[in-house]
Amino acid sequence: MDEQIIIEQARRGDKKALTELVKKYEQTVYNFSFKICRHKDRAEHTMQETFLSMVKNIKQFSGESKLSTWLYRVVSNHCLMLARTEGKFNYESFENDDALIDEKNITDWKVNPEIITENNELKNILDEAIQRLPADYRIVFTLRDVEGLSTEETAKIVELTVPATKSRLHRARAFLRNELNKKLHYE
């Protein structure tokens, strides 16, 4: 069924339509929440709050943007509120350490262990640098460079002008580049 029809049914209070929207977007919302909050429990909490907000406010969804854009904005707002209440995030890595082990590569003698180690170190350095980004910069960086959204979509989600969004993205990238350079050239 067309998403617009499902959204319209949800706006009229149809619980099946709301359930269908939650099922459709739960993985997207969780993944984005985790990328911003960087902690499994916080991401799950943010996902629940996001869908609670969706259920309560679906009638206010104007349809001028995609529902996913609206949900990204809700997730961003919940993550920022969580960051403000906690003072700052305590972060975990993007992935579990177990996920870094590729069973195929263990027995593949063509794989150079030094390259794997360097890649893991680089990933850890980048992860630490992303953790130090202020939440509002991290959201813009994640939407643009991780999620692959356009600058216009990102600006709409974070409720900034396109130039302000570009500025935050530029500053986030510059910060990350400087952090990487410091770690790679001084260690």
N, C-alpha and C. Protein backbone atom coordinates (compact mmCIF):
# COMPACT_ATOMS: atom_id res chain seq x y z
N MET A 1 0.84 -1.18 0.00
CA MET A 1 0.00 0.00 0.00
C MET A 1 0.89 1.24 0.00
N ASP A 2 0.44 2.28 -0.66
CA ASP A 2 1.17 3.53 -0.76
C ASP A 2 1.35 4.16 0.63
N GLU A 3 2.57 4.68 0.90
CA GLU A 3 2.86 5.24 2.22
C GLU A 3 1.94 6.41 2.55
N GLN A 4 1.61 7.21 1.56
CA GLN A 4 0.74 8.37 1.81
C GLN A 4 -0.63 7.92 2.34
N ILE A 5 -1.13 6.84 1.81
CA ILE A 5 -2.42 6.30 2.26
C ILE A 5 -2.30 5.82 3.70
N ILE A 6 -1.20 5.11 3.99
CA ILE A 6 -0.99 4.61 5.36
C ILE A 6 -0.88 5.78 6.33
N ILE A 7 -0.14 6.82 5.94
CA ILE A 7 0.01 8.00 6.80
C ILE A 7 -1.35 8.65 7.04
N GLU A 8 -2.13 8.77 6.00
CA GLU A 8 -3.46 9.39 6.15
C GLU A 8 -4.34 8.55 7.08
N GLN A 9 -4.26 7.24 6.96
CA GLN A 9 -5.01 6.36 7.86
C GLN A 9 -4.52 6.53 9.30
N ALA A 10 -3.22 6.63 9.46
CA ALA A 10 -2.64 6.83 10.80
C ALA A 10 -3.09 8.17 11.38
N ARG A 11 -3.15 9.18 10.55
CA ARG A 11 -3.59 10.51 11.02
C ARG A 11 -5.04 10.47 11.51
N ARG A 12 -5.82 9.52 10.97
CA ARG A 12 -7.22 9.37 11.40
C ARG A 12 -7.35 8.43 12.59
N GLY A 13 -6.19 7.96 13.12
CA GLY A 13 -6.23 7.14 14.32
C GLY A 13 -6.21 5.64 14.09
N ASP A 14 -5.99 5.21 12.86
CA ASP A 14 -5.95 3.78 12.55
C ASP A 14 -4.70 3.15 13.18
N LYS A 15 -4.92 2.28 14.16
CA LYS A 15 -3.81 1.66 14.89
C LYS A 15 -2.99 0.72 14.01
N LYS A 16 -3.64 0.04 13.06
CA LYS A 16 -2.90 -0.84 12.15
C LYS A 16 -1.94 -0.02 11.29
N ALA A 17 -2.39 1.13 10.83
CA ALA A 17 -1.53 1.98 10.01
C ALA A 17 -0.35 2.50 10.83
N LEU A 18 -0.61 2.88 12.07
CA LEU A 18 0.49 3.33 12.95
C LEU A 18 1.50 2.20 13.17
N THR A 19 0.98 1.01 13.40
CA THR A 19 1.85 -0.15 13.60
C THR A 19 2.70 -0.40 12.35
N GLU A 20 2.09 -0.28 11.20
CA GLU A 20 2.80 -0.49 9.94
C GLU A 20 3.92 0.55 9.77
N LEU A 21 3.66 1.80 10.14
CA LEU A 21 4.69 2.84 10.05
C LEU A 21 5.84 2.57 11.02
N VAL A 22 5.49 2.13 12.22
CA VAL A 22 6.53 1.81 13.20
C VAL A 22 7.40 0.68 12.67
N LYS A 23 6.77 -0.37 12.16
CA LYS A 23 7.53 -1.50 11.62
C LYS A 23 8.43 -1.07 10.48
N LYS A 24 7.90 -0.21 9.62
CA LYS A 24 8.67 0.23 8.45
C LYS A 24 9.90 1.04 8.86
N TYR A 25 9.77 1.87 9.89
CA TYR A 25 10.84 2.81 10.23
C TYR A 25 11.63 2.45 11.49
N GLU A 26 11.29 1.36 12.17
CA GLU A 26 11.96 1.08 13.43
C GLU A 26 13.46 0.88 13.28
N GLN A 27 13.91 0.18 12.25
CA GLN A 27 15.35 -0.04 12.08
C GLN A 27 16.06 1.25 11.71
N THR A 28 15.46 2.05 10.85
CA THR A 28 16.05 3.34 10.47
C THR A 28 16.17 4.25 11.67
N VAL A 29 15.12 4.33 12.46
CA VAL A 29 15.12 5.20 13.64
C VAL A 29 16.13 4.70 14.67
N TYR A 30 16.17 3.39 14.89
CA TYR A 30 17.13 2.86 15.86
C TYR A 30 18.57 3.12 15.40
N ASN A 31 18.85 2.82 14.14
CA ASN A 31 20.21 3.01 13.62
C ASN A 31 20.66 4.46 13.76
N PHE A 32 19.79 5.38 13.38
CA PHE A 32 20.14 6.80 13.49
C PHE A 32 20.29 7.19 14.95
N SER A 33 19.41 6.72 15.81
CA SER A 33 19.50 7.01 17.25
C SER A 33 20.82 6.52 17.80
N PHE A 34 21.22 5.32 17.40
CA PHE A 34 22.48 4.77 17.91
C PHE A 34 23.68 5.58 17.42
N LYS A 35 23.64 6.01 16.16
CA LYS A 35 24.74 6.79 15.62
C LYS A 35 24.90 8.12 16.34
N ILE A 36 23.79 8.69 16.80
CA ILE A 36 23.84 9.97 17.49
C ILE A 36 24.09 9.76 18.98
N CYS A 37 23.32 8.90 19.62
CA CYS A 37 23.42 8.70 21.07
C CYS A 37 24.62 7.84 21.46
N ARG A 38 25.02 6.92 20.57
CA ARG A 38 26.20 6.10 20.72
C ARG A 38 26.15 5.15 21.92
N HIS A 39 24.96 4.77 22.29
CA HIS A 39 24.80 3.85 23.40
C HIS A 39 23.50 3.09 23.17
N LYS A 40 23.55 1.77 23.31
CA LYS A 40 22.40 0.92 23.00
C LYS A 40 21.15 1.32 23.79
N ASP A 41 21.29 1.49 25.10
CA ASP A 41 20.12 1.82 25.92
C ASP A 41 19.54 3.18 25.56
N ARG A 42 20.42 4.16 25.32
CA ARG A 42 19.95 5.50 24.94
C ARG A 42 19.28 5.47 23.57
N ALA A 43 19.84 4.68 22.68
CA ALA A 43 19.24 4.56 21.34
C ALA A 43 17.86 3.93 21.42
N GLU A 44 17.72 2.90 22.23
CA GLU A 44 16.41 2.26 22.40
C GLU A 44 15.42 3.22 23.04
N HIS A 45 15.88 3.96 24.05
CA HIS A 45 15.03 4.95 24.70
C HIS A 45 14.59 6.02 23.69
N THR A 46 15.54 6.50 22.90
CA THR A 46 15.24 7.52 21.90
C THR A 46 14.27 6.99 20.86
N MET A 47 14.47 5.74 20.45
CA MET A 47 13.56 5.14 19.47
C MET A 47 12.14 5.08 20.03
N GLN A 48 12.00 4.65 21.29
CA GLN A 48 10.67 4.59 21.91
C GLN A 48 10.05 5.98 22.00
N GLU A 49 10.84 6.95 22.42
CA GLU A 49 10.33 8.33 22.53
C GLU A 49 9.93 8.87 21.16
N THR A 50 10.70 8.53 20.15
CA THR A 50 10.40 8.99 18.79
C THR A 50 9.06 8.44 18.32
N PHE A 51 8.84 7.14 18.52
CA PHE A 51 7.58 6.56 18.07
C PHE A 51 6.41 7.01 18.94
N LEU A 52 6.67 7.25 20.20
CA LEU A 52 5.62 7.82 21.05
C LEU A 52 5.24 9.20 20.53
N SER A 53 6.24 10.00 20.18
CA SER A 53 5.98 11.32 19.61
C SER A 53 5.24 11.20 18.28
N MET A 54 5.61 10.21 17.48
CA MET A 54 4.93 10.02 16.20
C MET A 54 3.45 9.71 16.43
N VAL A 55 3.18 8.79 17.35
CA VAL A 55 1.79 8.41 17.62
C VAL A 55 0.99 9.61 18.12
N LYS A 56 1.59 10.38 19.04
CA LYS A 56 0.89 11.53 19.61
C LYS A 56 0.69 12.66 18.61
N ASN A 57 1.66 12.82 17.68
CA ASN A 57 1.68 14.01 16.83
C ASN A 57 1.51 13.75 15.35
N ILE A 58 1.13 12.54 14.97
CA ILE A 58 1.01 12.22 13.54
C ILE A 58 0.00 13.13 12.85
N LYS A 59 -0.99 13.61 13.58
CA LYS A 59 -1.98 14.51 12.99
C LYS A 59 -1.35 15.84 12.60
N GLN A 60 -0.24 16.20 13.25
CA GLN A 60 0.44 17.46 12.93
C GLN A 60 1.41 17.31 11.76
N PHE A 61 1.67 16.08 11.33
CA PHE A 61 2.56 15.87 10.19
C PHE A 61 1.88 16.43 8.95
N SER A 62 2.50 17.43 8.35
CA SER A 62 1.87 18.14 7.23
C SER A 62 2.01 17.42 5.90
N GLY A 63 2.99 16.56 5.78
CA GLY A 63 3.21 15.88 4.51
C GLY A 63 4.04 16.71 3.54
N GLU A 64 4.54 17.87 3.99
CA GLU A 64 5.38 18.70 3.12
C GLU A 64 6.75 18.08 2.91
N SER A 65 7.16 17.21 3.81
CA SER A 65 8.41 16.49 3.67
C SER A 65 8.09 15.00 3.74
N LYS A 66 9.13 14.19 3.54
CA LYS A 66 8.93 12.75 3.70
C LYS A 66 8.77 12.44 5.19
N LEU A 67 8.08 11.37 5.50
CA LEU A 67 7.91 10.97 6.89
C LEU A 67 9.28 10.68 7.52
N SER A 68 10.19 10.09 6.75
CA SER A 68 11.52 9.80 7.29
C SER A 68 12.24 11.09 7.70
N THR A 69 12.07 12.15 6.94
CA THR A 69 12.67 13.44 7.29
C THR A 69 12.11 13.94 8.61
N TRP A 70 10.81 13.81 8.76
CA TRP A 70 10.15 14.23 10.00
C TRP A 70 10.65 13.40 11.18
N LEU A 71 10.80 12.08 10.97
CA LEU A 71 11.29 11.20 12.04
C LEU A 71 12.74 11.50 12.39
N TYR A 72 13.58 11.81 11.39
CA TYR A 72 14.97 12.20 11.68
C TYR A 72 14.98 13.44 12.59
N ARG A 73 14.10 14.38 12.32
CA ARG A 73 14.03 15.59 13.14
C ARG A 73 13.63 15.24 14.58
N VAL A 74 12.64 14.35 14.72
CA VAL A 74 12.19 13.95 16.05
C VAL A 74 13.32 13.24 16.81
N VAL A 75 14.03 12.33 16.12
CA VAL A 75 15.16 11.63 16.74
C VAL A 75 16.22 12.65 17.17
N SER A 76 16.55 13.57 16.28
CA SER A 76 17.56 14.59 16.59
C SER A 76 17.17 15.38 17.82
N ASN A 77 15.92 15.79 17.89
CA ASN A 77 15.45 16.56 19.04
C ASN A 77 15.53 15.74 20.33
N HIS A 78 15.13 14.48 20.27
CA HIS A 78 15.21 13.63 21.47
C HIS A 78 16.66 13.41 21.89
N CYS A 79 17.55 13.20 20.94
CA CYS A 79 18.97 13.00 21.28
C CYS A 79 19.55 14.28 21.89
N LEU A 80 19.19 15.43 21.34
CA LEU A 80 19.69 16.69 21.90
C LEU A 80 19.15 16.91 23.31
N MET A 81 17.87 16.61 23.52
CA MET A 81 17.30 16.75 24.87
C MET A 81 18.01 15.81 25.85
N LEU A 82 18.27 14.59 25.41
CA LEU A 82 18.97 13.63 26.25
C LEU A 82 20.38 14.12 26.57
N ALA A 83 21.04 14.69 25.57
CA ALA A 83 22.39 15.23 25.79
C ALA A 83 22.37 16.37 26.80
N ARG A 84 21.36 17.22 26.71
CA ARG A 84 21.27 18.34 27.65
C ARG A 84 20.98 17.87 29.07
N THR A 85 20.13 16.86 29.21
CA THR A 85 19.80 16.38 30.55
C THR A 85 20.95 15.63 31.19
N GLU A 86 21.75 14.97 30.37
CA GLU A 86 22.86 14.19 30.91
C GLU A 86 24.16 14.98 30.96
N GLY A 87 24.15 16.17 30.43
CA GLY A 87 25.37 16.98 30.41
C GLY A 87 26.22 16.67 29.21
N LYS A 88 26.51 15.43 29.00
CA LYS A 88 27.18 14.99 27.79
C LYS A 88 27.03 13.48 27.68
N PHE A 89 27.21 12.98 26.48
CA PHE A 89 27.06 11.55 26.25
C PHE A 89 28.27 10.78 26.75
N ASN A 90 28.01 9.57 27.19
CA ASN A 90 29.08 8.59 27.38
C ASN A 90 28.95 7.67 26.18
N TYR A 91 30.00 7.56 25.41
CA TYR A 91 29.89 6.89 24.12
C TYR A 91 30.47 5.51 24.13
N GLU A 92 29.97 4.74 23.18
CA GLU A 92 30.55 3.45 22.88
C GLU A 92 30.89 3.45 21.40
N SER A 93 31.61 2.47 20.98
CA SER A 93 32.05 2.37 19.60
C SER A 93 30.86 2.20 18.67
N PHE A 94 31.07 2.48 17.37
CA PHE A 94 30.03 2.28 16.37
C PHE A 94 29.57 0.82 16.34
N GLU A 95 30.52 -0.07 16.51
CA GLU A 95 30.21 -1.49 16.39
C GLU A 95 30.77 -2.21 17.60
N ASN A 96 30.23 -3.38 17.83
CA ASN A 96 30.82 -4.24 18.86
C ASN A 96 32.18 -4.72 18.36
N ASP A 97 33.09 -4.93 19.26
CA ASP A 97 34.40 -5.42 18.85
C ASP A 97 34.28 -6.75 18.13
N ASP A 98 33.30 -7.58 18.53
CA ASP A 98 33.11 -8.88 17.89
C ASP A 98 32.77 -8.72 16.41
N ALA A 99 32.09 -7.61 16.08
CA ALA A 99 31.69 -7.39 14.69
C ALA A 99 32.90 -7.08 13.80
N LEU A 100 34.01 -6.72 14.39
CA LEU A 100 35.20 -6.40 13.62
C LEU A 100 35.90 -7.64 13.10
N ILE A 101 35.59 -8.78 13.69
CA ILE A 101 36.25 -10.03 13.29
C ILE A 101 35.44 -10.66 12.17
N ASP A 102 36.08 -10.80 11.04
CA ASP A 102 35.44 -11.43 9.89
C ASP A 102 35.97 -12.86 9.82
N GLU A 103 35.09 -13.81 10.04
CA GLU A 103 35.50 -15.21 10.10
C GLU A 103 36.26 -15.62 8.83
N LYS A 104 35.87 -15.11 7.67
CA LYS A 104 36.54 -15.48 6.43
C LYS A 104 37.99 -15.01 6.43
N ASN A 105 38.24 -13.84 7.00
CA ASN A 105 39.58 -13.28 6.97
C ASN A 105 40.54 -13.98 7.93
N ILE A 106 40.03 -14.68 8.88
CA ILE A 106 40.90 -15.36 9.84
C ILE A 106 41.71 -16.44 9.13
N THR A 107 41.10 -17.15 8.20
CA THR A 107 41.81 -18.23 7.52
C THR A 107 42.36 -17.80 6.17
N ASP A 108 42.07 -16.61 5.74
CA ASP A 108 42.55 -16.10 4.46
C ASP A 108 43.95 -15.54 4.63
N TRP A 109 44.96 -16.25 4.12
CA TRP A 109 46.35 -15.85 4.31
C TRP A 109 46.71 -14.65 3.46
N LYS A 110 45.85 -14.26 2.54
CA LYS A 110 46.12 -13.09 1.70
C LYS A 110 45.91 -11.79 2.48
N VAL A 111 45.14 -11.86 3.54
CA VAL A 111 44.84 -10.67 4.33
C VAL A 111 46.05 -10.32 5.17
N ASN A 112 46.46 -9.09 5.08
CA ASN A 112 47.62 -8.61 5.83
C ASN A 112 47.18 -8.16 7.21
N PRO A 113 47.64 -8.80 8.28
CA PRO A 113 47.23 -8.42 9.63
C PRO A 113 47.57 -6.97 9.98
N GLU A 114 48.65 -6.47 9.39
CA GLU A 114 49.03 -5.08 9.67
C GLU A 114 47.97 -4.11 9.14
N ILE A 115 47.44 -4.41 7.96
CA ILE A 115 46.41 -3.54 7.38
C ILE A 115 45.15 -3.59 8.22
N ILE A 116 44.77 -4.79 8.67
CA ILE A 116 43.59 -4.92 9.53
C ILE A 116 43.78 -4.11 10.80
N THR A 117 44.96 -4.24 11.40
CA THR A 117 45.25 -3.49 12.63
C THR A 117 45.20 -2.00 12.39
N GLU A 118 45.80 -1.54 11.28
CA GLU A 118 45.77 -0.11 10.96
C GLU A 118 44.34 0.37 10.75
N ASN A 119 43.53 -0.41 10.03
CA ASN A 119 42.14 -0.02 9.80
C ASN A 119 41.36 0.07 11.11
N ASN A 120 41.58 -0.90 12.00
CA ASN A 120 40.91 -0.88 13.30
C ASN A 120 41.34 0.32 14.12
N GLU A 121 42.64 0.63 14.09
CA GLU A 121 43.14 1.79 14.82
C GLU A 121 42.55 3.08 14.26
N LEU A 122 42.50 3.18 12.93
CA LEU A 122 41.93 4.37 12.29
C LEU A 122 40.45 4.51 12.64
N LYS A 123 39.73 3.39 12.63
CA LYS A 123 38.31 3.41 12.99
C LYS A 123 38.14 3.89 14.42
N ASN A 124 38.98 3.42 15.33
CA ASN A 124 38.90 3.84 16.73
C ASN A 124 39.22 5.31 16.90
N ILE A 125 40.23 5.80 16.18
CA ILE A 125 40.59 7.22 16.25
C ILE A 125 39.43 8.07 15.74
N LEU A 126 38.86 7.67 14.61
CA LEU A 126 37.73 8.42 14.06
C LEU A 126 36.53 8.37 14.99
N ASP A 127 36.27 7.20 15.57
CA ASP A 127 35.15 7.06 16.49
C ASP A 127 35.31 7.98 17.70
N GLU A 128 36.52 8.02 18.25
CA GLU A 128 36.80 8.92 19.39
C GLU A 128 36.61 10.38 19.00
N ALA A 129 37.04 10.74 17.81
CA ALA A 129 36.90 12.13 17.35
C ALA A 129 35.42 12.49 17.17
N ILE A 130 34.64 11.58 16.61
CA ILE A 130 33.21 11.82 16.44
C ILE A 130 32.54 11.99 17.80
N GLN A 131 32.99 11.23 18.78
CA GLN A 131 32.43 11.33 20.13
C GLN A 131 32.64 12.71 20.72
N ARG A 132 33.73 13.37 20.35
CA ARG A 132 34.04 14.69 20.91
C ARG A 132 33.31 15.82 20.19
N LEU A 133 32.66 15.52 19.07
CA LEU A 133 31.88 16.55 18.39
C LEU A 133 30.70 16.96 19.26
N PRO A 134 30.37 18.24 19.34
CA PRO A 134 29.13 18.63 20.03
C PRO A 134 27.94 17.96 19.34
N ALA A 135 26.90 17.66 20.09
CA ALA A 135 25.76 16.89 19.58
C ALA A 135 25.14 17.51 18.33
N ASP A 136 25.00 18.84 18.29
CA ASP A 136 24.36 19.45 17.12
C ASP A 136 25.24 19.32 15.87
N TYR A 137 26.56 19.32 16.01
CA TYR A 137 27.45 19.10 14.89
C TYR A 137 27.47 17.63 14.50
N ARG A 138 27.42 16.74 15.49
CA ARG A 138 27.42 15.31 15.24
C ARG A 138 26.17 14.91 14.46
N ILE A 139 25.03 15.53 14.78
CA ILE A 139 23.80 15.21 14.06
C ILE A 139 23.92 15.59 12.59
N VAL A 140 24.41 16.80 12.32
CA VAL A 140 24.57 17.24 10.93
C VAL A 140 25.55 16.34 10.20
N PHE A 141 26.69 16.04 10.82
CA PHE A 141 27.69 15.16 10.21
C PHE A 141 27.08 13.78 9.92
N THR A 142 26.36 13.23 10.87
CA THR A 142 25.79 11.89 10.70
C THR A 142 24.74 11.88 9.60
N LEU A 143 23.87 12.88 9.58
CA LEU A 143 22.84 12.93 8.54
C LEU A 143 23.46 13.03 7.14
N ARG A 144 24.45 13.90 6.99
CA ARG A 144 25.05 14.12 5.67
C ARG A 144 26.03 13.02 5.29
N ASP A 145 27.02 12.76 6.14
CA ASP A 145 28.12 11.89 5.73
C ASP A 145 27.94 10.42 6.07
N VAL A 146 27.06 10.11 6.99
CA VAL A 146 26.82 8.70 7.32
C VAL A 146 25.52 8.23 6.68
N GLU A 147 24.45 8.99 6.88
CA GLU A 147 23.15 8.61 6.31
C GLU A 147 23.04 8.97 4.83
N GLY A 148 23.86 9.92 4.36
CA GLY A 148 23.87 10.29 2.95
C GLY A 148 22.73 11.19 2.50
N LEU A 149 22.12 11.90 3.44
CA LEU A 149 21.04 12.81 3.06
C LEU A 149 21.62 14.06 2.40
N SER A 150 20.80 14.74 1.62
CA SER A 150 21.24 15.98 0.98
C SER A 150 21.36 17.09 2.02
N THR A 151 22.04 18.15 1.65
CA THR A 151 22.16 19.30 2.55
C THR A 151 20.79 19.90 2.83
N GLU A 152 19.94 19.94 1.82
CA GLU A 152 18.59 20.49 1.98
C GLU A 152 17.77 19.65 2.95
N GLU A 153 17.83 18.33 2.80
CA GLU A 153 17.10 17.45 3.72
C GLU A 153 17.64 17.60 5.13
N THR A 154 18.95 17.66 5.27
CA THR A 154 19.56 17.81 6.58
C THR A 154 19.14 19.12 7.21
N ALA A 155 19.16 20.19 6.44
CA ALA A 155 18.75 21.51 6.95
C ALA A 155 17.31 21.48 7.45
N LYS A 156 16.45 20.81 6.71
CA LYS A 156 15.05 20.72 7.12
C LYS A 156 14.91 19.95 8.43
N ILE A 157 15.67 18.86 8.56
CA ILE A 157 15.59 18.03 9.76
C ILE A 157 16.06 18.78 10.99
N VAL A 158 17.19 19.48 10.87
CA VAL A 158 17.75 20.17 12.03
C VAL A 158 17.22 21.59 12.18
N GLU A 159 16.31 21.95 11.28
CA GLU A 159 15.63 23.25 11.32
C GLU A 159 16.62 24.41 11.28
N LEU A 160 17.54 24.33 10.31
CA LEU A 160 18.51 25.39 10.05
C LEU A 160 18.43 25.77 8.59
N THR A 161 19.03 26.90 8.26
CA THR A 161 19.13 27.26 6.85
C THR A 161 20.18 26.36 6.19
N VAL A 162 20.14 26.28 4.88
CA VAL A 162 21.13 25.49 4.16
C VAL A 162 22.54 26.03 4.43
N PRO A 163 22.76 27.37 4.38
CA PRO A 163 24.12 27.86 4.68
C PRO A 163 24.58 27.51 6.11
N ALA A 164 23.68 27.58 7.08
CA ALA A 164 24.06 27.24 8.46
C ALA A 164 24.38 25.75 8.57
N THR A 165 23.65 24.93 7.86
CA THR A 165 23.90 23.49 7.84
C THR A 165 25.26 23.20 7.21
N LYS A 166 25.54 23.86 6.09
CA LYS A 166 26.84 23.69 5.43
C LYS A 166 27.97 24.13 6.36
N SER A 167 27.75 25.20 7.08
CA SER A 167 28.77 25.70 8.00
C SER A 167 29.05 24.69 9.11
N ARG A 168 27.98 24.13 9.70
CA ARG A 168 28.17 23.13 10.75
C ARG A 168 28.88 21.89 10.21
N LEU A 169 28.49 21.48 9.01
CA LEU A 169 29.12 20.31 8.41
C LEU A 169 30.60 20.59 8.14
N HIS A 170 30.89 21.77 7.61
CA HIS A 170 32.28 22.15 7.35
C HIS A 170 33.09 22.15 8.64
N ARG A 171 32.54 22.72 9.70
CA ARG A 171 33.25 22.76 10.98
C ARG A 171 33.43 21.37 11.56
N ALA A 172 32.40 20.52 11.43
CA ALA A 172 32.51 19.15 11.94
C ALA A 172 33.60 18.39 11.19
N ARG A 173 33.61 18.52 9.86
CA ARG A 173 34.63 17.84 9.07
C ARG A 173 36.02 18.37 9.40
N ALA A 174 36.14 19.69 9.54
CA ALA A 174 37.44 20.29 9.87
C ALA A 174 37.93 19.79 11.22
N PHE A 175 37.02 19.73 12.19
CA PHE A 175 37.38 19.23 13.51
C PHE A 175 37.87 17.79 13.42
N LEU A 176 37.12 16.96 12.70
CA LEU A 176 37.50 15.55 12.57
C LEU A 176 38.83 15.40 11.83
N ARG A 177 39.03 16.19 10.79
CA ARG A 177 40.29 16.15 10.04
C ARG A 177 41.46 16.53 10.95
N ASN A 178 41.28 17.59 11.75
CA ASN A 178 42.33 18.01 12.68
C ASN A 178 42.62 16.94 13.73
N GLU A 179 41.57 16.34 14.25
CA GLU A 179 41.75 15.28 15.25
C GLU A 179 42.50 14.09 14.65
N LEU A 180 42.12 13.70 13.43
CA LEU A 180 42.81 12.59 12.77
C LEU A 180 44.28 12.93 12.52
N ASN A 181 44.52 14.15 12.05
CA ASN A 181 45.90 14.56 11.79
C ASN A 181 46.74 14.55 13.07
N LYS A 182 46.16 15.04 14.17
CA LYS A 182 46.89 15.04 15.44
C LYS A 182 47.27 13.62 15.84
N LYS A 183 46.30 12.72 15.79
CA LYS A 183 46.53 11.35 16.23
C LYS A 183 47.50 10.61 15.29
N LEU A 184 47.35 10.82 14.01
CA LEU A 184 48.16 10.07 13.06
C LEU A 184 49.59 10.59 12.95
N HIS A 185 49.78 11.87 13.20
CA HIS A 185 51.12 12.44 13.05
C HIS A 185 51.89 12.57 14.36
N TYR A 186 51.20 12.42 15.48
CA TYR A 186 51.88 12.62 16.76
C TYR A 186 52.00 11.34 17.58
N GLU A 187 51.47 10.27 17.08
CA GLU A 187 51.58 9.03 17.86
C GLU A 187 52.60 8.09 17.27
